[in-house]
Amino acid sequence: MGKSVRKRFAHQIPVEQLHQRLLSLAESEAGSDSSGEGVRFERSGDGYKILGNYSGFSVNGNVTLSEHELSIEIELPMLARMFQGKVEHYIEEQAKQLLH
């Protein structure tokens, strides 16, 4: 069984604008990887499902947007637990970019 990485970020951005920013970020991330690996976002109600592969590991998770909070949860496979710190740092950096 894997381990979940959960991060929550407060924001004051209108939700629809945040959706647009998130989709733009996802498109730029997908376009920058020529290896065939990558993560895609599928909209599901007020959030997104995260699906894909990165460094040989399956990536699955959810992004939830509300009026005042952005919540990200990613399930790390057992073998990827050693990368938990890197994953958390990456999430924080991307959220910072998204929310400012």
Protein backbone atom coordinates (compact mmCIF):
# COMPACT_ATOMS: atom_id res chain seq x y z
CA MET A 1 0.00 0.00 0.00
CA GLY A 2 1.23 3.48 -0.82
CA LYS A 3 1.25 6.69 1.11
CA SER A 4 -0.82 9.81 0.49
CA VAL A 5 0.75 13.22 0.22
CA ARG A 6 -1.81 15.87 1.18
CA LYS A 7 -1.33 19.61 0.92
CA ARG A 8 -3.79 22.45 1.43
CA PHE A 9 -3.32 26.06 0.37
CA ALA A 10 -5.49 29.05 1.21
CA HIS A 11 -6.28 31.47 -1.61
CA GLN A 12 -8.38 34.51 -2.50
CA ILE A 13 -8.65 33.83 -6.25
CA PRO A 14 -12.05 33.37 -7.90
CA VAL A 15 -12.58 29.63 -8.44
CA GLU A 16 -13.15 29.86 -12.21
CA GLN A 17 -9.91 31.84 -12.59
CA LEU A 18 -8.13 29.17 -10.53
CA HIS A 19 -9.51 26.48 -12.87
CA GLN A 20 -8.06 28.38 -15.83
CA ARG A 21 -4.68 28.75 -14.14
CA LEU A 22 -4.58 25.07 -13.22
CA LEU A 23 -5.40 23.98 -16.77
CA SER A 24 -2.77 26.34 -18.16
CA LEU A 25 -0.17 24.94 -15.76
CA ALA A 26 -1.16 21.37 -16.66
CA GLU A 27 -0.84 22.12 -20.38
CA SER A 28 2.60 23.67 -19.95
CA GLU A 29 3.76 20.68 -17.89
CA ALA A 30 2.46 18.21 -20.50
CA GLY A 31 4.09 20.14 -23.33
CA SER A 32 7.52 20.23 -21.66
CA ASP A 33 7.98 16.45 -21.47
CA SER A 34 9.11 14.60 -24.60
CA SER A 35 9.80 11.27 -22.84
CA GLY A 36 6.20 10.06 -23.05
CA GLU A 37 5.86 10.29 -19.29
CA GLY A 38 3.65 12.85 -17.74
CA VAL A 39 0.61 13.67 -15.75
CA ARG A 40 -2.77 14.68 -17.04
CA PHE A 41 -5.66 16.34 -15.29
CA GLU A 42 -9.28 15.32 -15.85
CA ARG A 43 -11.91 17.71 -14.57
CA SER A 44 -14.37 16.14 -12.18
CA GLY A 45 -16.93 18.56 -10.73
CA ASP A 46 -15.09 21.26 -8.77
CA GLY A 47 -11.80 19.41 -8.94
CA TYR A 48 -9.53 17.24 -11.01
CA LYS A 49 -8.29 13.70 -11.06
CA ILE A 50 -4.55 13.41 -11.58
CA LEU A 51 -3.46 10.43 -13.67
CA GLY A 52 -0.21 9.42 -15.28
CA ASN A 53 3.32 8.14 -14.93
CA TYR A 54 6.42 9.86 -13.67
CA SER A 55 9.89 8.32 -13.32
CA GLY A 56 8.40 4.84 -13.80
CA PHE A 57 5.76 5.22 -11.08
CA SER A 58 2.02 5.53 -11.44
CA VAL A 59 0.73 8.90 -10.29
CA ASN A 60 -2.85 9.16 -9.07
CA GLY A 61 -4.48 11.84 -7.03
CA ASN A 62 -7.02 14.60 -6.74
CA VAL A 63 -7.05 18.37 -6.81
CA THR A 64 -10.02 20.01 -5.13
CA LEU A 65 -10.85 23.68 -5.50
CA SER A 66 -13.14 25.58 -3.17
CA GLU A 67 -13.83 29.26 -2.64
CA HIS A 68 -10.91 29.67 -0.22
CA GLU A 69 -8.79 26.50 -0.48
CA LEU A 70 -6.82 24.45 -2.97
CA SER A 71 -6.31 20.87 -1.80
CA ILE A 72 -3.97 18.36 -3.45
CA GLU A 73 -3.74 14.68 -2.60
CA ILE A 74 -1.40 12.29 -4.41
CA GLU A 75 -1.09 8.59 -3.71
CA LEU A 76 2.54 7.47 -3.79
CA PRO A 77 3.27 3.81 -4.48
CA MET A 78 5.27 2.05 -1.77
CA LEU A 79 8.45 2.09 -3.86
CA ALA A 80 8.16 5.85 -4.43
CA ARG A 81 8.02 6.76 -0.73
CA MET A 82 11.69 7.73 -0.82
CA PHE A 83 10.68 10.59 -3.13
CA GLN A 84 8.01 11.94 -0.78
CA GLY A 85 10.06 15.02 0.15
CA LYS A 86 10.68 15.86 -3.51
CA VAL A 87 6.99 15.38 -4.31
CA GLU A 88 5.93 17.65 -1.45
CA HIS A 89 8.44 20.32 -2.50
CA TYR A 90 7.27 20.12 -6.12
CA ILE A 91 3.62 20.47 -5.06
CA GLU A 92 4.45 23.49 -2.90
CA GLU A 93 6.39 25.18 -5.71
CA GLN A 94 3.64 24.56 -8.26
CA ALA A 95 0.96 25.79 -5.84
CA LYS A 96 2.98 28.94 -5.16
CA GLN A 97 3.21 29.59 -8.89
CA LEU A 98 -0.50 28.87 -9.37
CA LEU A 99 -1.71 31.07 -6.52
CA HIS A 100 0.46 34.17 -7.15
